[in-house]
């Protein structure tokens, strides 16, 4: 009799556990039915809306979270909502890729064919400095790198005029179509010097990304010519405008 009672107790406990499990499953099914009903009721409310309003199917997506709701037709609509999410993510990814390409693009270096270079005397007598102006005539943007490579003598033998480090701008000079840039150039120390020589024209070359570019432009000296002392000649960097201090040397 003692053994029978133990088996009866175990059987009763097992039966109670199965009953609870069935009740839990029934609750889940009920929840799924409610989700399906909610999704169905959304479909009935918006039958006249255009296909764009099927975004309400996204609420069906909440049915998907119910688990059992996945087996319902509304669950399928929720799947369409998910596809819309994928399309949106794809569009965002494409936009980001396009922006990255745009940002990664580099403005090409200006060549001597892209700019027109001219020279004017700076104020003061005697003339000790000139200003070079490089105007972008290419019809597109280009980058004016570093400083002008100036040869006051024969281009085959003359040494380039050295640059002044303090004149280097903080940012690279990018010229839009038609925009100018400037460089200050010291040509002598003033006064009469036997080392000075008259110059009526000179050569100017530009930098490419990997060093001096090919070719050069012949620039006419300002009216009356200029007196150049090669030993003291120096050039500033290209800049959007001449600056006090940085371009005074």
C-alpha atoms as a PDB file:
ATOM      1  CA  UNK A   1       0.000   0.000   0.000  1.00  0.00           C
ATOM      2  CA  UNK A   2       2.869   2.415   0.757  1.00  0.00           C
ATOM      3  CA  UNK A   3       4.394   1.755  -2.639  1.00  0.00           C
ATOM      4  CA  UNK A   4       1.061   2.344  -4.402  1.00  0.00           C
ATOM      5  CA  UNK A   5       0.611   5.659  -2.709  1.00  0.00           C
ATOM      6  CA  UNK A   6       4.065   6.849  -3.888  1.00  0.00           C
ATOM      7  CA  UNK A   7       3.282   5.869  -7.482  1.00  0.00           C
ATOM      8  CA  UNK A   8      -0.080   7.613  -7.258  1.00  0.00           C
ATOM      9  CA  UNK A   9       1.572  10.747  -5.972  1.00  0.00           C
ATOM     10  CA  UNK A  10       4.177  10.679  -8.771  1.00  0.00           C
ATOM     11  CA  UNK A  11       1.481  10.102 -11.380  1.00  0.00           C
ATOM     12  CA  UNK A  12      -0.581  12.971 -10.010  1.00  0.00           C
ATOM     13  CA  UNK A  13       2.448  15.289 -10.080  1.00  0.00           C
ATOM     14  CA  UNK A  14       3.214  14.264 -13.651  1.00  0.00           C
ATOM     15  CA  UNK A  15      -0.391  14.874 -14.681  1.00  0.00           C
ATOM     16  CA  UNK A  16      -0.336  18.316 -13.070  1.00  0.00           C
ATOM     17  CA  UNK A  17       2.910  19.199 -14.872  1.00  0.00           C
ATOM     18  CA  UNK A  18       1.459  18.138 -18.221  1.00  0.00           C
ATOM     19  CA  UNK A  19      -1.645  20.191 -17.523  1.00  0.00           C
ATOM     20  CA  UNK A  20       0.476  23.263 -16.816  1.00  0.00           C
ATOM     21  CA  UNK A  21       2.507  22.707 -20.004  1.00  0.00           C
ATOM     22  CA  UNK A  22      -0.672  22.389 -22.061  1.00  0.00           C
ATOM     23  CA  UNK A  23      -2.035  25.535 -20.451  1.00  0.00           C
ATOM     24  CA  UNK A  24       1.187  27.425 -21.335  1.00  0.00           C
ATOM     25  CA  UNK A  25       1.014  26.190 -24.949  1.00  0.00           C
ATOM     26  CA  UNK A  26      -2.609  27.183 -25.136  1.00  0.00           C
ATOM     27  CA  UNK A  27      -1.669  30.668 -23.862  1.00  0.00           C
ATOM     28  CA  UNK A  28       0.993  31.001 -26.537  1.00  0.00           C
ATOM     29  CA  UNK A  29      -1.477  29.875 -29.219  1.00  0.00           C
ATOM     30  CA  UNK A  30      -3.949  32.369 -27.885  1.00  0.00           C
ATOM     31  CA  UNK A  31      -1.376  35.115 -28.105  1.00  0.00           C
ATOM     32  CA  UNK A  32      -0.633  34.109 -31.673  1.00  0.00           C
ATOM     33  CA  UNK A  33      -4.352  34.216 -32.470  1.00  0.00           C
ATOM     34  CA  UNK A  34      -4.599  37.688 -30.955  1.00  0.00           C
ATOM     35  CA  UNK A  35      -1.622  38.863 -32.992  1.00  0.00           C
ATOM     36  CA  UNK A  36      -3.184  37.489 -36.149  1.00  0.00           C
ATOM     37  CA  UNK A  37      -6.441  39.149 -35.269  1.00  0.00           C
ATOM     38  CA  UNK A  38      -4.699  42.465 -34.678  1.00  0.00           C
ATOM     39  CA  UNK A  39      -2.889  42.239 -38.007  1.00  0.00           C
ATOM     40  CA  UNK A  40      -6.126  41.281 -39.759  1.00  0.00           C
ATOM     41  CA  UNK A  41      -7.904  44.224 -38.161  1.00  0.00           C
ATOM     42  CA  UNK A  42      -5.164  46.591 -39.499  1.00  0.00           C
ATOM     43  CA  UNK A  43      -5.742  45.180 -42.990  1.00  0.00           C
ATOM     44  CA  UNK A  44      -9.483  45.868 -42.702  1.00  0.00           C
ATOM     45  CA  UNK A  45      -8.981  49.442 -41.555  1.00  0.00           C
ATOM     46  CA  UNK A  46      -6.722  50.398 -44.474  1.00  0.00           C
ATOM     47  CA  UNK A  47      -8.069  48.602 -47.555  1.00  0.00           C
ATOM     48  CA  UNK A  48      -8.426  51.807 -49.559  1.00  0.00           C
ATOM     49  CA  UNK A  49      -4.889  53.022 -48.897  1.00  0.00           C
ATOM     50  CA  UNK A  50      -2.285  52.787 -51.637  1.00  0.00           C
ATOM     51  CA  UNK A  51       0.493  50.212 -51.577  1.00  0.00           C
ATOM     52  CA  UNK A  52       2.769  52.692 -49.815  1.00  0.00           C
ATOM     53  CA  UNK A  53       0.631  52.387 -46.657  1.00  0.00           C
ATOM     54  CA  UNK A  54       1.411  48.707 -46.332  1.00  0.00           C
ATOM     55  CA  UNK A  55       4.139  49.960 -44.063  1.00  0.00           C
ATOM     56  CA  UNK A  56       1.508  49.250 -41.349  1.00  0.00           C
ATOM     57  CA  UNK A  57       2.484  45.666 -42.034  1.00  0.00           C
ATOM     58  CA  UNK A  58       5.448  46.533 -39.888  1.00  0.00           C
ATOM     59  CA  UNK A  59       3.051  46.310 -36.906  1.00  0.00           C
ATOM     60  CA  UNK A  60       2.560  42.772 -38.142  1.00  0.00           C
ATOM     61  CA  UNK A  61       6.234  42.502 -37.431  1.00  0.00           C
ATOM     62  CA  UNK A  62       5.288  42.699 -33.757  1.00  0.00           C
ATOM     63  CA  UNK A  63       3.259  39.570 -34.459  1.00  0.00           C
ATOM     64  CA  UNK A  64       6.481  38.014 -35.619  1.00  0.00           C
ATOM     65  CA  UNK A  65       7.901  38.639 -32.165  1.00  0.00           C
ATOM     66  CA  UNK A  66       5.071  36.518 -30.842  1.00  0.00           C
ATOM     67  CA  UNK A  67       6.710  33.510 -32.415  1.00  0.00           C
ATOM     68  CA  UNK A  68       3.455  31.644 -33.114  1.00  0.00           C
ATOM     69  CA  UNK A  69       2.277  34.584 -35.180  1.00  0.00           C
ATOM     70  CA  UNK A  70       4.889  33.665 -37.782  1.00  0.00           C
ATOM     71  CA  UNK A  71       2.609  30.912 -39.070  1.00  0.00           C
ATOM     72  CA  UNK A  72      -0.165  33.418 -39.779  1.00  0.00           C
ATOM     73  CA  UNK A  73      -0.738  35.292 -43.050  1.00  0.00           C
ATOM     74  CA  UNK A  74      -0.186  38.533 -41.181  1.00  0.00           C
ATOM     75  CA  UNK A  75       3.206  37.208 -40.235  1.00  0.00           C
ATOM     76  CA  UNK A  76       3.967  37.083 -43.961  1.00  0.00           C
ATOM     77  CA  UNK A  77       3.014  40.758 -44.243  1.00  0.00           C
ATOM     78  CA  UNK A  78       5.397  41.421 -41.385  1.00  0.00           C
ATOM     79  CA  UNK A  79       8.016  39.713 -43.534  1.00  0.00           C
ATOM     80  CA  UNK A  80       7.305  42.249 -46.283  1.00  0.00           C
ATOM     81  CA  UNK A  81       7.875  44.965 -43.723  1.00  0.00           C
ATOM     82  CA  UNK A  82      11.221  43.392 -42.982  1.00  0.00           C
ATOM     83  CA  UNK A  83      12.056  43.491 -46.699  1.00  0.00           C
ATOM     84  CA  UNK A  84      11.258  47.199 -46.651  1.00  0.00           C
ATOM     85  CA  UNK A  85      13.736  47.552 -43.809  1.00  0.00           C
ATOM     86  CA  UNK A  86      16.350  45.744 -45.886  1.00  0.00           C
ATOM     87  CA  UNK A  87      15.654  48.055 -48.848  1.00  0.00           C
ATOM     88  CA  UNK A  88      15.992  51.077 -46.584  1.00  0.00           C
ATOM     89  CA  UNK A  89      19.262  49.761 -45.179  1.00  0.00           C
ATOM     90  CA  UNK A  90      20.518  49.095 -48.712  1.00  0.00           C
ATOM     91  CA  UNK A  91      19.612  52.643 -49.775  1.00  0.00           C
ATOM     92  CA  UNK A  92      21.414  54.061 -46.748  1.00  0.00           C
ATOM     93  CA  UNK A  93      24.454  51.915 -47.475  1.00  0.00           C
ATOM     94  CA  UNK A  94      24.492  53.086 -51.109  1.00  0.00           C
ATOM     95  CA  UNK A  95      24.235  56.724 -50.025  1.00  0.00           C
ATOM     96  CA  UNK A  96      27.102  56.283 -47.583  1.00  0.00           C
ATOM     97  CA  UNK A  97      29.204  54.627 -50.276  1.00  0.00           C
ATOM     98  CA  UNK A  98      28.502  57.513 -52.661  1.00  0.00           C
ATOM     99  CA  UNK A  99      29.430  60.056 -50.000  1.00  0.00           C
ATOM    100  CA  UNK A 100      32.626  58.172 -49.271  1.00  0.00           C
ATOM    101  CA  UNK A 101      33.583  58.168 -52.947  1.00  0.00           C
ATOM    102  CA  UNK A 102      32.888  61.868 -53.130  1.00  0.00           C
ATOM    103  CA  UNK A 103      34.929  62.599 -50.009  1.00  0.00           C
ATOM    104  CA  UNK A 104      37.797  60.352 -51.160  1.00  0.00           C
ATOM    105  CA  UNK A 105      38.070  62.097 -54.475  1.00  0.00           C
ATOM    106  CA  UNK A 106      41.211  64.352 -54.722  1.00  0.00           C
ATOM    107  CA  UNK A 107      41.397  67.589 -56.668  1.00  0.00           C
ATOM    108  CA  UNK A 108      44.166  67.199 -59.280  1.00  0.00           C
ATOM    109  CA  UNK A 109      47.277  69.341 -59.124  1.00  0.00           C
ATOM    110  CA  UNK A 110      47.272  72.464 -61.277  1.00  0.00           C
ATOM    111  CA  UNK A 111      49.559  72.322 -64.318  1.00  0.00           C
ATOM    112  CA  UNK A 112      51.080  75.226 -66.208  1.00  0.00           C
ATOM    113  CA  UNK A 113      48.268  74.776 -68.740  1.00  0.00           C
ATOM    114  CA  UNK A 114      45.644  75.179 -66.001  1.00  0.00           C
ATOM    115  CA  UNK A 115      46.764  78.591 -64.735  1.00  0.00           C
ATOM    116  CA  UNK A 116      47.724  81.972 -66.146  1.00  0.00           C
ATOM    117  CA  UNK A 117      50.610  83.546 -64.227  1.00  0.00           C
ATOM    118  CA  UNK A 118      51.348  87.271 -64.142  1.00  0.00           C
ATOM    119  CA  UNK A 119      53.673  89.535 -62.122  1.00  0.00           C
ATOM    120  CA  UNK A 120      53.294  93.036 -60.633  1.00  0.00           C
ATOM    121  CA  UNK A 121      55.650  95.188 -58.580  1.00  0.00           C
ATOM    122  CA  UNK A 122      54.888  95.627 -54.911  1.00  0.00           C
ATOM    123  CA  UNK A 123      54.743  99.137 -53.453  1.00  0.00           C
ATOM    124  CA  UNK A 124      57.984 100.853 -52.564  1.00  0.00           C
ATOM    125  CA  UNK A 125      60.951 102.410 -54.321  1.00  0.00           C
ATOM    126  CA  UNK A 126      63.217 100.839 -55.280  1.00  0.00           C
ATOM    127  CA  UNK A 127      61.320  97.670 -56.117  1.00  0.00           C
ATOM    128  CA  UNK A 128      62.490  94.824 -53.921  1.00  0.00           C
ATOM    129  CA  UNK A 129      59.482  92.491 -54.236  1.00  0.00           C
ATOM    130  CA  UNK A 130      57.031  91.372 -56.867  1.00  0.00           C
ATOM    131  CA  UNK A 131      53.760  89.482 -56.506  1.00  0.00           C
ATOM    132  CA  UNK A 132      52.919  86.526 -58.709  1.00  0.00           C
ATOM    133  CA  UNK A 133      49.260  85.841 -59.444  1.00  0.00           C
ATOM    134  CA  UNK A 134      48.158  82.418 -60.713  1.00  0.00           C
ATOM    135  CA  UNK A 135      44.587  82.402 -62.049  1.00  0.00           C
ATOM    136  CA  UNK A 136      42.827  79.113 -62.734  1.00  0.00           C
ATOM    137  CA  UNK A 137      41.742  79.139 -66.391  1.00  0.00           C
ATOM    138  CA  UNK A 138      41.111  75.383 -66.690  1.00  0.00           C
ATOM    139  CA  UNK A 139      37.357  75.540 -66.115  1.00  0.00           C
ATOM    140  CA  UNK A 140      37.603  73.082 -63.188  1.00  0.00           C
ATOM    141  CA  UNK A 141      39.079  73.035 -59.707  1.00  0.00           C
ATOM    142  CA  UNK A 142      42.750  72.215 -59.223  1.00  0.00           C
ATOM    143  CA  UNK A 143      45.252  72.209 -56.359  1.00  0.00           C
ATOM    144  CA  UNK A 144      48.136  74.681 -56.440  1.00  0.00           C
ATOM    145  CA  UNK A 145      50.897  72.822 -54.634  1.00  0.00           C
ATOM    146  CA  UNK A 146      53.679  74.374 -52.552  1.00  0.00           C
ATOM    147  CA  UNK A 147      55.379  77.391 -54.161  1.00  0.00           C
ATOM    148  CA  UNK A 148      56.300  78.649 -57.642  1.00  0.00           C
ATOM    149  CA  UNK A 149      59.478  77.218 -59.139  1.00  0.00           C
ATOM    150  CA  UNK A 150      61.103  80.363 -60.509  1.00  0.00           C
ATOM    151  CA  UNK A 151      64.117  80.566 -62.810  1.00  0.00           C
ATOM    152  CA  UNK A 152      65.294  84.126 -63.479  1.00  0.00           C
ATOM    153  CA  UNK A 153      68.042  82.984 -65.845  1.00  0.00           C
ATOM    154  CA  UNK A 154      68.321  80.380 -68.561  1.00  0.00           C
ATOM    155  CA  UNK A 155      65.916  77.581 -67.655  1.00  0.00           C
ATOM    156  CA  UNK A 156      68.523  74.927 -68.404  1.00  0.00           C
ATOM    157  CA  UNK A 157      71.151  76.331 -66.051  1.00  0.00           C
ATOM    158  CA  UNK A 158      69.426  78.646 -63.577  1.00  0.00           C
ATOM    159  CA  UNK A 159      68.754  77.445 -60.030  1.00  0.00           C
ATOM    160  CA  UNK A 160      65.206  77.603 -58.680  1.00  0.00           C
ATOM    161  CA  UNK A 161      64.609  80.468 -56.290  1.00  0.00           C
ATOM    162  CA  UNK A 162      64.493  79.025 -52.720  1.00  0.00           C
ATOM    163  CA  UNK A 163      61.255  79.169 -50.721  1.00  0.00           C
ATOM    164  CA  UNK A 164      60.550  80.818 -47.347  1.00  0.00           C
ATOM    165  CA  UNK A 165      59.266  78.243 -44.856  1.00  0.00           C
ATOM    166  CA  UNK A 166      57.224  80.676 -42.735  1.00  0.00           C
ATOM    167  CA  UNK A 167      55.128  81.506 -45.793  1.00  0.00           C
ATOM    168  CA  UNK A 168      53.700  77.981 -46.053  1.00  0.00           C
ATOM    169  CA  UNK A 169      49.908  78.105 -45.473  1.00  0.00           C
ATOM    170  CA  UNK A 170      48.183  75.814 -42.996  1.00  0.00           C
ATOM    171  CA  UNK A 171      45.993  74.229 -45.681  1.00  0.00           C
ATOM    172  CA  UNK A 172      46.472  73.238 -49.301  1.00  0.00           C
ATOM    173  CA  UNK A 173      45.443  75.874 -51.833  1.00  0.00           C
ATOM    174  CA  UNK A 174      42.563  74.573 -53.972  1.00  0.00           C
ATOM    175  CA  UNK A 175      41.526  76.917 -56.774  1.00  0.00           C
ATOM    176  CA  UNK A 176      38.024  76.808 -58.166  1.00  0.00           C
ATOM    177  CA  UNK A 177      37.584  77.781 -61.811  1.00  0.00           C
ATOM    178  CA  UNK A 178      38.537  81.437 -62.287  1.00  0.00           C
ATOM    179  CA  UNK A 179      39.985  81.849 -58.778  1.00  0.00           C
ATOM    180  CA  UNK A 180      43.447  83.368 -58.136  1.00  0.00           C
ATOM    181  CA  UNK A 181      46.298  82.561 -55.755  1.00  0.00           C
ATOM    182  CA  UNK A 182      49.318  84.695 -54.896  1.00  0.00           C
ATOM    183  CA  UNK A 183      52.990  84.362 -54.029  1.00  0.00           C
ATOM    184  CA  UNK A 184      55.351  87.084 -52.800  1.00  0.00           C
ATOM    185  CA  UNK A 185      58.842  87.095 -54.322  1.00  0.00           C
ATOM    186  CA  UNK A 186      61.922  88.996 -53.137  1.00  0.00           C
ATOM    187  CA  UNK A 187      64.113  89.980 -56.071  1.00  0.00           C
ATOM    188  CA  UNK A 188      66.813  92.155 -54.420  1.00  0.00           C
ATOM    189  CA  UNK A 189      67.696  94.019 -51.221  1.00  0.00           C
ATOM    190  CA  UNK A 190      67.162  97.485 -52.644  1.00  0.00           C
ATOM    191  CA  UNK A 191      69.588 100.165 -53.741  1.00  0.00           C
ATOM    192  CA  UNK A 192      72.175  99.956 -56.447  1.00  0.00           C
ATOM    193  CA  UNK A 193      74.086  96.690 -56.427  1.00  0.00           C
ATOM    194  CA  UNK A 194      76.500  95.438 -59.009  1.00  0.00           C
ATOM    195  CA  UNK A 195      75.043  91.964 -58.492  1.00  0.00           C
ATOM    196  CA  UNK A 196      71.662  93.113 -59.768  1.00  0.00           C
ATOM    197  CA  UNK A 197      70.818  92.287 -63.350  1.00  0.00           C
ATOM    198  CA  UNK A 198      67.927  93.443 -65.503  1.00  0.00           C
ATOM    199  CA  UNK A 199      65.255  90.840 -66.208  1.00  0.00           C
ATOM    200  CA  UNK A 200      62.407  91.325 -68.691  1.00  0.00           C
ATOM    201  CA  UNK A 201      60.912  87.825 -68.450  1.00  0.00           C
ATOM    202  CA  UNK A 202      61.437  84.630 -66.452  1.00  0.00           C
ATOM    203  CA  UNK A 203      60.214  81.053 -66.186  1.00  0.00           C
ATOM    204  CA  UNK A 204      57.743  79.692 -63.622  1.00  0.00           C
ATOM    205  CA  UNK A 205      57.001  76.010 -63.129  1.00  0.00           C
ATOM    206  CA  UNK A 206      54.604  74.263 -60.728  1.00  0.00           C
ATOM    207  CA  UNK A 207      54.742  71.245 -58.453  1.00  0.00           C
ATOM    208  CA  UNK A 208      52.973  68.003 -59.292  1.00  0.00           C
ATOM    209  CA  UNK A 209      52.022  65.482 -56.602  1.00  0.00           C
ATOM    210  CA  UNK A 210      55.377  63.704 -56.965  1.00  0.00           C
ATOM    211  CA  UNK A 211      57.673  66.669 -57.553  1.00  0.00           C
ATOM    212  CA  UNK A 212      58.255  69.409 -60.130  1.00  0.00           C
ATOM    213  CA  UNK A 213      55.869  69.176 -63.068  1.00  0.00           C
ATOM    214  CA  UNK A 214      56.870  69.027 -66.718  1.00  0.00           C
ATOM    215  CA  UNK A 215      57.182  72.274 -68.618  1.00  0.00           C
ATOM    216  CA  UNK A 216      57.077  75.889 -67.454  1.00  0.00           C
ATOM    217  CA  UNK A 217      55.374  79.176 -68.249  1.00  0.00           C
ATOM    218  CA  UNK A 218      57.205  82.270 -69.459  1.00  0.00           C
ATOM    219  CA  UNK A 219      56.101  85.270 -67.377  1.00  0.00           C
ATOM    220  CA  UNK A 220      56.714  88.827 -68.501  1.00  0.00           C
ATOM    221  CA  UNK A 221      58.282  91.153 -65.942  1.00  0.00           C
ATOM    222  CA  UNK A 222      56.255  94.201 -64.878  1.00  0.00           C
ATOM    223  CA  UNK A 223      56.591  97.332 -67.015  1.00  0.00           C
ATOM    224  CA  UNK A 224      60.155  98.643 -67.019  1.00  0.00           C
ATOM    225  CA  UNK A 225      61.591  95.245 -66.072  1.00  0.00           C
ATOM    226  CA  UNK A 226      62.995  94.211 -62.715  1.00  0.00           C
ATOM    227  CA  UNK A 227      66.465  94.079 -61.136  1.00  0.00           C
ATOM    228  CA  UNK A 228      67.253  90.640 -59.759  1.00  0.00           C
ATOM    229  CA  UNK A 229      70.010  89.599 -57.370  1.00  0.00           C
ATOM    230  CA  UNK A 230      70.051  85.788 -57.512  1.00  0.00           C
ATOM    231  CA  UNK A 231      71.962  85.563 -54.230  1.00  0.00           C
ATOM    232  CA  UNK A 232      69.109  87.067 -52.196  1.00  0.00           C
ATOM    233  CA  UNK A 233      66.042  86.096 -54.273  1.00  0.00           C
ATOM    234  CA  UNK A 234      63.399  84.127 -52.338  1.00  0.00           C
ATOM    235  CA  UNK A 235      59.804  83.111 -52.955  1.00  0.00           C
ATOM    236  CA  UNK A 236      56.816  82.606 -50.707  1.00  0.00           C
ATOM    237  CA  UNK A 237      54.276  79.778 -50.993  1.00  0.00           C
ATOM    238  CA  UNK A 238      51.080  80.027 -52.981  1.00  0.00           C
ATOM    239  CA  UNK A 239      48.274  81.401 -50.820  1.00  0.00           C
ATOM    240  CA  UNK A 240      44.729  82.670 -51.292  1.00  0.00           C
ATOM    241  CA  UNK A 241      45.837  86.120 -50.121  1.00  0.00           C
ATOM    242  CA  UNK A 242      49.091  87.704 -49.016  1.00  0.00           C
ATOM    243  CA  UNK A 243      49.416  87.816 -45.228  1.00  0.00           C
ATOM    244  CA  UNK A 244      51.152  90.219 -42.893  1.00  0.00           C
ATOM    245  CA  UNK A 245      54.193  88.601 -41.359  1.00  0.00           C
ATOM    246  CA  UNK A 246      54.072  85.289 -43.226  1.00  0.00           C
ATOM    247  CA  UNK A 247      54.637  86.926 -46.610  1.00  0.00           C
ATOM    248  CA  UNK A 248      56.991  89.635 -45.428  1.00  0.00           C
ATOM    249  CA  UNK A 249      60.608  88.594 -45.909  1.00  0.00           C
END
